[in-house]
Amino acid sequence: MVSQKVTIKNPSGLHARPASILAQAAGKCKSNVIIVNGSKQIQAKSILNIMAAAIKCGTEIEVQCTGETEAEDLKSIVELIESGLGE
């Protein structure tokens, strides 16, 4: 397992459009992608789970990847989040 902390930069947080972009990107990953927000663990491949977590702008989350391509998947998901997810 590899993980990295990242801060949500999108002004609306991880709501409909950003959650959709993130879930689509995570869906292309071969590894299991989990978002940790406080004590919650969210499956990043599910847009509904991401939206239900109501993660706001400025929140620090941890992205965890486990699987055969975990390092590459972590890098791509973190870069996507840091880019603002299509602000």
PDB file of N, CA and C in Angstrom:
ATOM      1  N   MET A   1       0.839  -1.187   0.000  1.00  0.00           N
ATOM      2  CA  MET A   1       0.000   0.000   0.000  1.00  0.00           C
ATOM      3  C   MET A   1       0.879   1.244   0.000  1.00  0.00           C
ATOM      4  N   VAL A   2       0.466   2.220  -0.809  1.00  0.00           N
ATOM      5  CA  VAL A   2       1.109   3.524  -0.812  1.00  0.00           C
ATOM      6  C   VAL A   2       0.031   4.561  -0.534  1.00  0.00           C
ATOM      7  N   SER A   3       0.430   5.677   0.080  1.00  0.00           N
ATOM      8  CA  SER A   3      -0.551   6.719   0.380  1.00  0.00           C
ATOM      9  C   SER A   3       0.101   8.091   0.367  1.00  0.00           C
ATOM     10  N   GLN A   4      -0.737   9.101   0.203  1.00  0.00           N
ATOM     11  CA  GLN A   4      -0.262  10.476   0.213  1.00  0.00           C
ATOM     12  C   GLN A   4      -1.408  11.388   0.628  1.00  0.00           C
ATOM     13  N   LYS A   5      -1.065  12.412   1.406  1.00  0.00           N
ATOM     14  CA  LYS A   5      -2.066  13.399   1.818  1.00  0.00           C
ATOM     15  C   LYS A   5      -2.126  14.494   0.765  1.00  0.00           C
ATOM     16  N   VAL A   6      -3.340  14.991   0.532  1.00  0.00           N
ATOM     17  CA  VAL A   6      -3.552  16.052  -0.449  1.00  0.00           C
ATOM     18  C   VAL A   6      -4.728  16.913   0.022  1.00  0.00           C
ATOM     19  N   THR A   7      -4.675  18.203  -0.304  1.00  0.00           N
ATOM     20  CA  THR A   7      -5.732  19.131   0.091  1.00  0.00           C
ATOM     21  C   THR A   7      -6.651  19.403  -1.098  1.00  0.00           C
ATOM     22  N   ILE A   8      -7.945  19.367  -0.862  1.00  0.00           N
ATOM     23  CA  ILE A   8      -8.936  19.629  -1.912  1.00  0.00           C
ATOM     24  C   ILE A   8      -8.901  21.111  -2.266  1.00  0.00           C
ATOM     25  N   LYS A   9      -8.683  21.416  -3.551  1.00  0.00           N
ATOM     26  CA  LYS A   9      -8.566  22.798  -4.002  1.00  0.00           C
ATOM     27  C   LYS A   9      -9.801  23.286  -4.745  1.00  0.00           C
ATOM     28  N   ASN A  10     -10.650  22.374  -5.204  1.00  0.00           N
ATOM     29  CA  ASN A  10     -11.839  22.778  -5.950  1.00  0.00           C
ATOM     30  C   ASN A  10     -12.753  23.579  -5.034  1.00  0.00           C
ATOM     31  N   PRO A  11     -13.195  24.788  -5.467  1.00  0.00           N
ATOM     32  CA  PRO A  11     -14.032  25.638  -4.613  1.00  0.00           C
ATOM     33  C   PRO A  11     -15.308  24.968  -4.112  1.00  0.00           C
ATOM     34  N   SER A  12     -15.872  24.054  -4.899  1.00  0.00           N
ATOM     35  CA  SER A  12     -17.107  23.393  -4.474  1.00  0.00           C
ATOM     36  C   SER A  12     -16.848  22.072  -3.752  1.00  0.00           C
ATOM     37  N   GLY A  13     -15.564  21.751  -3.510  1.00  0.00           N
ATOM     38  CA  GLY A  13     -15.228  20.492  -2.849  1.00  0.00           C
ATOM     39  C   GLY A  13     -15.428  19.327  -3.804  1.00  0.00           C
ATOM     40  N   LEU A  14     -15.688  18.148  -3.276  1.00  0.00           N
ATOM     41  CA  LEU A  14     -15.893  16.966  -4.122  1.00  0.00           C
ATOM     42  C   LEU A  14     -17.387  16.696  -4.293  1.00  0.00           C
ATOM     43  N   HIS A  15     -18.055  17.606  -5.020  1.00  0.00           N
ATOM     44  CA  HIS A  15     -19.475  17.423  -5.306  1.00  0.00           C
ATOM     45  C   HIS A  15     -19.636  16.887  -6.717  1.00  0.00           C
ATOM     46  N   ALA A  16     -20.811  16.922  -7.280  1.00  0.00           N
ATOM     47  CA  ALA A  16     -21.181  16.215  -8.510  1.00  0.00           C
ATOM     48  C   ALA A  16     -20.109  16.107  -9.600  1.00  0.00           C
ATOM     49  N   ARG A  17     -19.737  17.209 -10.220  1.00  0.00           N
ATOM     50  CA  ARG A  17     -18.800  17.123 -11.350  1.00  0.00           C
ATOM     51  C   ARG A  17     -17.410  16.650 -10.919  1.00  0.00           C
ATOM     52  N   PRO A  18     -16.801  17.272  -9.881  1.00  0.00           N
ATOM     53  CA  PRO A  18     -15.482  16.791  -9.455  1.00  0.00           C
ATOM     54  C   PRO A  18     -15.508  15.334  -8.979  1.00  0.00           C
ATOM     55  N   ALA A  19     -16.580  14.935  -8.313  1.00  0.00           N
ATOM     56  CA  ALA A  19     -16.701  13.549  -7.843  1.00  0.00           C
ATOM     57  C   ALA A  19     -16.779  12.597  -9.029  1.00  0.00           C
ATOM     58  N   SER A  20     -17.473  13.007 -10.069  1.00  0.00           N
ATOM     59  CA  SER A  20     -17.582  12.194 -11.276  1.00  0.00           C
ATOM     60  C   SER A  20     -16.224  12.025 -11.948  1.00  0.00           C
ATOM     61  N   ILE A  21     -15.482  13.122 -12.063  1.00  0.00           N
ATOM     62  CA  ILE A  21     -14.146  13.083 -12.672  1.00  0.00           C
ATOM     63  C   ILE A  21     -13.231  12.161 -11.875  1.00  0.00           C
ATOM     64  N   LEU A  22     -13.268  12.294 -10.547  1.00  0.00           N
ATOM     65  CA  LEU A  22     -12.418  11.468  -9.685  1.00  0.00           C
ATOM     66  C   LEU A  22     -12.800   9.991  -9.765  1.00  0.00           C
ATOM     67  N   ALA A  23     -14.093   9.695  -9.732  1.00  0.00           N
ATOM     68  CA  ALA A  23     -14.555   8.302  -9.787  1.00  0.00           C
ATOM     69  C   ALA A  23     -14.190   7.659 -11.127  1.00  0.00           C
ATOM     70  N   GLN A  24     -14.297   8.418 -12.220  1.00  0.00           N
ATOM     71  CA  GLN A  24     -13.928   7.880 -13.532  1.00  0.00           C
ATOM     72  C   GLN A  24     -12.440   7.562 -13.585  1.00  0.00           C
ATOM     73  N   ALA A  25     -11.622   8.469 -13.063  1.00  0.00           N
ATOM     74  CA  ALA A  25     -10.169   8.254 -13.061  1.00  0.00           C
ATOM     75  C   ALA A  25      -9.811   7.051 -12.186  1.00  0.00           C
ATOM     76  N   ALA A  26     -10.431   6.950 -11.014  1.00  0.00           N
ATOM     77  CA  ALA A  26     -10.165   5.830 -10.106  1.00  0.00           C
ATOM     78  C   ALA A  26     -10.620   4.517 -10.731  1.00  0.00           C
ATOM     79  N   GLY A  27     -11.704   4.564 -11.503  1.00  0.00           N
ATOM     80  CA  GLY A  27     -12.217   3.373 -12.165  1.00  0.00           C
ATOM     81  C   GLY A  27     -11.244   2.791 -13.185  1.00  0.00           C
ATOM     82  N   LYS A  28     -10.378   3.630 -13.726  1.00  0.00           N
ATOM     83  CA  LYS A  28      -9.383   3.187 -14.704  1.00  0.00           C
ATOM     84  C   LYS A  28      -8.153   2.580 -14.030  1.00  0.00           C
ATOM     85  N   CYS A  29      -8.028   2.758 -12.723  1.00  0.00           N
ATOM     86  CA  CYS A  29      -6.879   2.239 -11.978  1.00  0.00           C
ATOM     87  C   CYS A  29      -7.034   0.742 -11.743  1.00  0.00           C
ATOM     88  N   LYS A  30      -5.926   0.015 -11.843  1.00  0.00           N
ATOM     89  CA  LYS A  30      -5.950  -1.424 -11.571  1.00  0.00           C
ATOM     90  C   LYS A  30      -5.918  -1.703 -10.072  1.00  0.00           C
ATOM     91  N   SER A  31      -5.399  -0.746  -9.298  1.00  0.00           N
ATOM     92  CA  SER A  31      -5.322  -0.948  -7.847  1.00  0.00           C
ATOM     93  C   SER A  31      -6.602  -0.462  -7.170  1.00  0.00           C
ATOM     94  N   ASN A  32      -6.754  -0.813  -5.914  1.00  0.00           N
ATOM     95  CA  ASN A  32      -7.876  -0.364  -5.108  1.00  0.00           C
ATOM     96  C   ASN A  32      -7.555   1.040  -4.606  1.00  0.00           C
ATOM     97  N   VAL A  33      -8.449   2.003  -4.822  1.00  0.00           N
ATOM     98  CA  VAL A  33      -8.206   3.399  -4.444  1.00  0.00           C
ATOM     99  C   VAL A  33      -9.185   3.791  -3.345  1.00  0.00           C
ATOM    100  N   ILE A  34      -8.637   4.186  -2.202  1.00  0.00           N
ATOM    101  CA  ILE A  34      -9.436   4.584  -1.036  1.00  0.00           C
ATOM    102  C   ILE A  34      -9.092   6.022  -0.673  1.00  0.00           C
ATOM    103  N   ILE A  35     -10.127   6.803  -0.340  1.00  0.00           N
ATOM    104  CA  ILE A  35      -9.929   8.163   0.172  1.00  0.00           C
ATOM    105  C   ILE A  35     -10.230   8.111   1.665  1.00  0.00           C
ATOM    106  N   VAL A  36      -9.283   8.579   2.462  1.00  0.00           N
ATOM    107  CA  VAL A  36      -9.485   8.611   3.913  1.00  0.00           C
ATOM    108  C   VAL A  36      -9.735  10.052   4.318  1.00  0.00           C
ATOM    109  N   ASN A  37     -10.900  10.285   4.922  1.00  0.00           N
ATOM    110  CA  ASN A  37     -11.284  11.617   5.393  1.00  0.00           C
ATOM    111  C   ASN A  37     -11.660  11.483   6.862  1.00  0.00           C
ATOM    112  N   GLY A  38     -10.725  11.837   7.741  1.00  0.00           N
ATOM    113  CA  GLY A  38     -10.947  11.636   9.170  1.00  0.00           C
ATOM    114  C   GLY A  38     -10.990  10.146   9.458  1.00  0.00           C
ATOM    115  N   SER A  39     -12.095   9.679  10.021  1.00  0.00           N
ATOM    116  CA  SER A  39     -12.224   8.249  10.323  1.00  0.00           C
ATOM    117  C   SER A  39     -12.947   7.493   9.203  1.00  0.00           C
ATOM    118  N   LYS A  40     -13.395   8.217   8.167  1.00  0.00           N
ATOM    119  CA  LYS A  40     -14.127   7.587   7.066  1.00  0.00           C
ATOM    120  C   LYS A  40     -13.181   7.086   5.982  1.00  0.00           C
ATOM    121  N   GLN A  41     -13.476   5.897   5.473  1.00  0.00           N
ATOM    122  CA  GLN A  41     -12.757   5.358   4.313  1.00  0.00           C
ATOM    123  C   GLN A  41     -13.753   5.269   3.175  1.00  0.00           C
ATOM    124  N   ILE A  42     -13.440   5.949   2.068  1.00  0.00           N
ATOM    125  CA  ILE A  42     -14.361   6.059   0.951  1.00  0.00           C
ATOM    126  C   ILE A  42     -13.777   5.353  -0.269  1.00  0.00           C
ATOM    127  N   GLN A  43     -14.568   4.493  -0.898  1.00  0.00           N
ATOM    128  CA  GLN A  43     -14.157   3.823  -2.131  1.00  0.00           C
ATOM    129  C   GLN A  43     -14.202   4.866  -3.252  1.00  0.00           C
ATOM    130  N   ALA A  44     -13.032   5.192  -3.823  1.00  0.00           N
ATOM    131  CA  ALA A  44     -12.933   6.270  -4.803  1.00  0.00           C
ATOM    132  C   ALA A  44     -13.532   5.916  -6.161  1.00  0.00           C
ATOM    133  N   LYS A  45     -13.843   4.650  -6.392  1.00  0.00           N
ATOM    134  CA  LYS A  45     -14.424   4.261  -7.676  1.00  0.00           C
ATOM    135  C   LYS A  45     -15.939   4.461  -7.694  1.00  0.00           C
ATOM    136  N   SER A  46     -16.514   4.908  -6.577  1.00  0.00           N
ATOM    137  CA  SER A  46     -17.960   5.121  -6.472  1.00  0.00           C
ATOM    138  C   SER A  46     -18.281   6.606  -6.332  1.00  0.00           C
ATOM    139  N   ILE A  47     -18.912   7.166  -7.355  1.00  0.00           N
ATOM    140  CA  ILE A  47     -19.280   8.587  -7.314  1.00  0.00           C
ATOM    141  C   ILE A  47     -20.232   8.861  -6.150  1.00  0.00           C
ATOM    142  N   LEU A  48     -21.145   7.939  -5.869  1.00  0.00           N
ATOM    143  CA  LEU A  48     -22.097   8.144  -4.767  1.00  0.00           C
ATOM    144  C   LEU A  48     -21.399   8.189  -3.419  1.00  0.00           C
ATOM    145  N   ASN A  49     -20.420   7.309  -3.212  1.00  0.00           N
ATOM    146  CA  ASN A  49     -19.677   7.319  -1.950  1.00  0.00           C
ATOM    147  C   ASN A  49     -18.896   8.624  -1.785  1.00  0.00           C
ATOM    148  N   ILE A  50     -18.291   9.104  -2.883  1.00  0.00           N
ATOM    149  CA  ILE A  50     -17.520  10.347  -2.819  1.00  0.00           C
ATOM    150  C   ILE A  50     -18.447  11.519  -2.482  1.00  0.00           C
ATOM    151  N   MET A  51     -19.581  11.599  -3.162  1.00  0.00           N
ATOM    152  CA  MET A  51     -20.523  12.698  -2.907  1.00  0.00           C
ATOM    153  C   MET A  51     -21.101  12.624  -1.495  1.00  0.00           C
ATOM    154  N   ALA A  52     -21.387  11.424  -1.023  1.00  0.00           N
ATOM    155  CA  ALA A  52     -21.964  11.243   0.319  1.00  0.00           C
ATOM    156  C   ALA A  52     -20.997  11.700   1.414  1.00  0.00           C
ATOM    157  N   ALA A  53     -19.693  11.652   1.133  1.00  0.00           N
ATOM    158  CA  ALA A  53     -18.702  12.065   2.129  1.00  0.00           C
ATOM    159  C   ALA A  53     -18.691  13.583   2.336  1.00  0.00           C
ATOM    160  N   ALA A  54     -19.255  14.339   1.384  1.00  0.00           N
ATOM    161  CA  ALA A  54     -19.358  15.810   1.482  1.00  0.00           C
ATOM    162  C   ALA A  54     -18.023  16.462   1.845  1.00  0.00           C
ATOM    163  N   ILE A  55     -16.989  16.159   1.076  1.00  0.00           N
ATOM    164  CA  ILE A  55     -15.659  16.707   1.331  1.00  0.00           C
ATOM    165  C   ILE A  55     -15.584  18.113   0.757  1.00  0.00           C
ATOM    166  N   LYS A  56     -15.266  19.075   1.598  1.00  0.00           N
ATOM    167  CA  LYS A  56     -15.278  20.483   1.212  1.00  0.00           C
ATOM    168  C   LYS A  56     -13.894  20.977   0.796  1.00  0.00           C
ATOM    169  N   CYS A  57     -13.876  22.131   0.144  1.00  0.00           N
ATOM    170  CA  CYS A  57     -12.638  22.780  -0.256  1.00  0.00           C
ATOM    171  C   CYS A  57     -11.781  23.055   0.989  1.00  0.00           C
ATOM    172  N   GLY A  58     -10.482  22.804   0.880  1.00  0.00           N
ATOM    173  CA  GLY A  58      -9.566  23.038   1.990  1.00  0.00           C
ATOM    174  C   GLY A  58      -9.379  21.833   2.904  1.00  0.00           C
ATOM    175  N   THR A  59     -10.171  20.787   2.698  1.00  0.00           N
ATOM    176  CA  THR A  59     -10.064  19.579   3.515  1.00  0.00           C
ATOM    177  C   THR A  59      -8.847  18.768   3.083  1.00  0.00           C
ATOM    178  N   GLU A  60      -8.064  18.320   4.066  1.00  0.00           N
ATOM    179  CA  GLU A  60      -6.934  17.443   3.759  1.00  0.00           C
ATOM    180  C   GLU A  60      -7.415  16.002   3.838  1.00  0.00           C
ATOM    181  N   ILE A  61      -7.208  15.266   2.744  1.00  0.00           N
ATOM    182  CA  ILE A  61      -7.576  13.856   2.697  1.00  0.00           C
ATOM    183  C   ILE A  61      -6.323  13.033   2.447  1.00  0.00           C
ATOM    184  N   GLU A  62      -6.444  11.740   2.643  1.00  0.00           N
ATOM    185  CA  GLU A  62      -5.354  10.835   2.320  1.00  0.00           C
ATOM    186  C   GLU A  62      -5.840   9.885   1.233  1.00  0.00           C
ATOM    187  N   VAL A  63      -5.050   9.742   0.174  1.00  0.00           N
ATOM    188  CA  VAL A  63      -5.363   8.811  -0.901  1.00  0.00           C
ATOM    189  C   VAL A  63      -4.498   7.577  -0.686  1.00  0.00           C
ATOM    190  N   GLN A  64      -5.134   6.399  -0.637  1.00  0.00           N
ATOM    191  CA  GLN A  64      -4.417   5.137  -0.454  1.00  0.00           C
ATOM    192  C   GLN A  64      -4.665   4.241  -1.660  1.00  0.00           C
ATOM    193  N   CYS A  65      -3.606   3.665  -2.188  1.00  0.00           N
ATOM    194  CA  CYS A  65      -3.717   2.729  -3.312  1.00  0.00           C
ATOM    195  C   CYS A  65      -3.060   1.411  -2.929  1.00  0.00           C
ATOM    196  N   THR A  66      -3.752   0.319  -3.227  1.00  0.00           N
ATOM    197  CA  THR A  66      -3.234  -1.015  -2.966  1.00  0.00           C
ATOM    198  C   THR A  66      -3.457  -1.869  -4.204  1.00  0.00           C
ATOM    199  N   GLY A  67      -2.379  -2.436  -4.732  1.00  0.00           N
ATOM    200  CA  GLY A  67      -2.523  -3.296  -5.901  1.00  0.00           C
ATOM    201  C   GLY A  67      -1.297  -3.267  -6.784  1.00  0.00           C
ATOM    202  N   GLU A  68      -1.409  -3.907  -7.942  1.00  0.00           N
ATOM    203  CA  GLU A  68      -0.260  -4.091  -8.816  1.00  0.00           C
ATOM    204  C   GLU A  68       0.300  -2.799  -9.396  1.00  0.00           C
ATOM    205  N   THR A  69      -0.531  -1.781  -9.586  1.00  0.00           N
ATOM    206  CA  THR A  69      -0.050  -0.517 -10.156  1.00  0.00           C
ATOM    207  C   THR A  69      -0.230   0.629  -9.161  1.00  0.00           C
ATOM    208  N   GLU A  70      -0.077   0.324  -7.882  1.00  0.00           N
ATOM    209  CA  GLU A  70      -0.399   1.303  -6.833  1.00  0.00           C
ATOM    210  C   GLU A  70       0.383   2.609  -6.933  1.00  0.00           C
ATOM    211  N   ALA A  71       1.674   2.551  -7.238  1.00  0.00           N
ATOM    212  CA  ALA A  71       2.489   3.768  -7.291  1.00  0.00           C
ATOM    213  C   ALA A  71       2.029   4.693  -8.412  1.00  0.00           C
ATOM    214  N   GLU A  72       1.803   4.134  -9.605  1.00  0.00           N
ATOM    215  CA  GLU A  72       1.352   4.945 -10.734  1.00  0.00           C
ATOM    216  C   GLU A  72      -0.056   5.485 -10.485  1.00  0.00           C
ATOM    217  N   ASP A  73      -0.920   4.646  -9.923  1.00  0.00           N
ATOM    218  CA  ASP A  73      -2.297   5.063  -9.654  1.00  0.00           C
ATOM    219  C   ASP A  73      -2.339   6.189  -8.627  1.00  0.00           C
ATOM    220  N   LEU A  74      -1.538   6.078  -7.574  1.00  0.00           N
ATOM    221  CA  LEU A  74      -1.486   7.130  -6.559  1.00  0.00           C
ATOM    222  C   LEU A  74      -1.046   8.443  -7.189  1.00  0.00           C
ATOM    223  N   LYS A  75      -0.014   8.387  -7.989  1.00  0.00           N
ATOM    224  CA  LYS A  75       0.508   9.583  -8.640  1.00  0.00           C
ATOM    225  C   LYS A  75      -0.565  10.244  -9.504  1.00  0.00           C
ATOM    226  N   SER A  76      -1.276   9.465 -10.314  1.00  0.00           N
ATOM    227  CA  SER A  76      -2.275  10.042 -11.210  1.00  0.00           C
ATOM    228  C   SER A  76      -3.471  10.615 -10.447  1.00  0.00           C
ATOM    229  N   ILE A  77      -3.923   9.943  -9.391  1.00  0.00           N
ATOM    230  CA  ILE A  77      -5.068  10.442  -8.615  1.00  0.00           C
ATOM    231  C   ILE A  77      -4.688  11.716  -7.857  1.00  0.00           C
ATOM    232  N   VAL A  78      -3.508  11.738  -7.240  1.00  0.00           N
ATOM    233  CA  VAL A  78      -3.062  12.935  -6.510  1.00  0.00           C
ATOM    234  C   VAL A  78      -2.904  14.111  -7.460  1.00  0.00           C
ATOM    235  N   GLU A  79      -2.319  13.878  -8.638  1.00  0.00           N
ATOM    236  CA  GLU A  79      -2.166  14.957  -9.624  1.00  0.00           C
ATOM    237  C   GLU A  79      -3.529  15.490 -10.058  1.00  0.00           C
ATOM    238  N   LEU A  80      -4.485  14.605 -10.237  1.00  0.00           N
ATOM    239  CA  LEU A  80      -5.833  15.020 -10.624  1.00  0.00           C
ATOM    240  C   LEU A  80      -6.464  15.892  -9.546  1.00  0.00           C
ATOM    241  N   ILE A  81      -6.357  15.486  -8.296  1.00  0.00           N
ATOM    242  CA  ILE A  81      -6.933  16.263  -7.198  1.00  0.00           C
ATOM    243  C   ILE A  81      -6.229  17.617  -7.076  1.00  0.00           C
ATOM    244  N   GLU A  82      -4.898  17.617  -7.178  1.00  0.00           N
ATOM    245  CA  GLU A  82      -4.145  18.864  -7.068  1.00  0.00           C
ATOM    246  C   GLU A  82      -4.427  19.822  -8.220  1.00  0.00           C
ATOM    247  N   SER A  83      -4.836  19.295  -9.367  1.00  0.00           N
ATOM    248  CA  SER A  83      -5.144  20.146 -10.530  1.00  0.00           C
ATOM    249  C   SER A  83      -6.475  20.874 -10.336  1.00  0.00           C
ATOM    250  N   GLY A  84      -7.240  20.500  -9.339  1.00  0.00           N
ATOM    251  CA  GLY A  84      -8.514  21.170  -9.042  1.00  0.00           C
ATOM    252  C   GLY A  84      -9.721  20.456  -9.615  1.00  0.00           C
ATOM    253  N   LEU A  85      -9.537  19.322 -10.287  1.00  0.00           N
ATOM    254  CA  LEU A  85     -10.633  18.519 -10.835  1.00  0.00           C
ATOM    255  C   LEU A  85     -11.554  19.318 -11.733  1.00  0.00           C
ATOM    256  N   GLY A  86     -11.006  20.069 -12.630  1.00  0.00           N
ATOM    257  CA  GLY A  86     -11.811  20.817 -13.597  1.00  0.00           C
ATOM    258  C   GLY A  86     -12.581  21.968 -12.992  1.00  0.00           C
ATOM    259  N   GLU A  87     -11.915  22.775 -12.188  1.00  0.00           N
ATOM    260  CA  GLU A  87     -12.552  23.910 -11.500  1.00  0.00           C
ATOM    261  C   GLU A  87     -13.400  24.748 -12.425  1.00  0.00           C
TER     262      GLU A  87
END
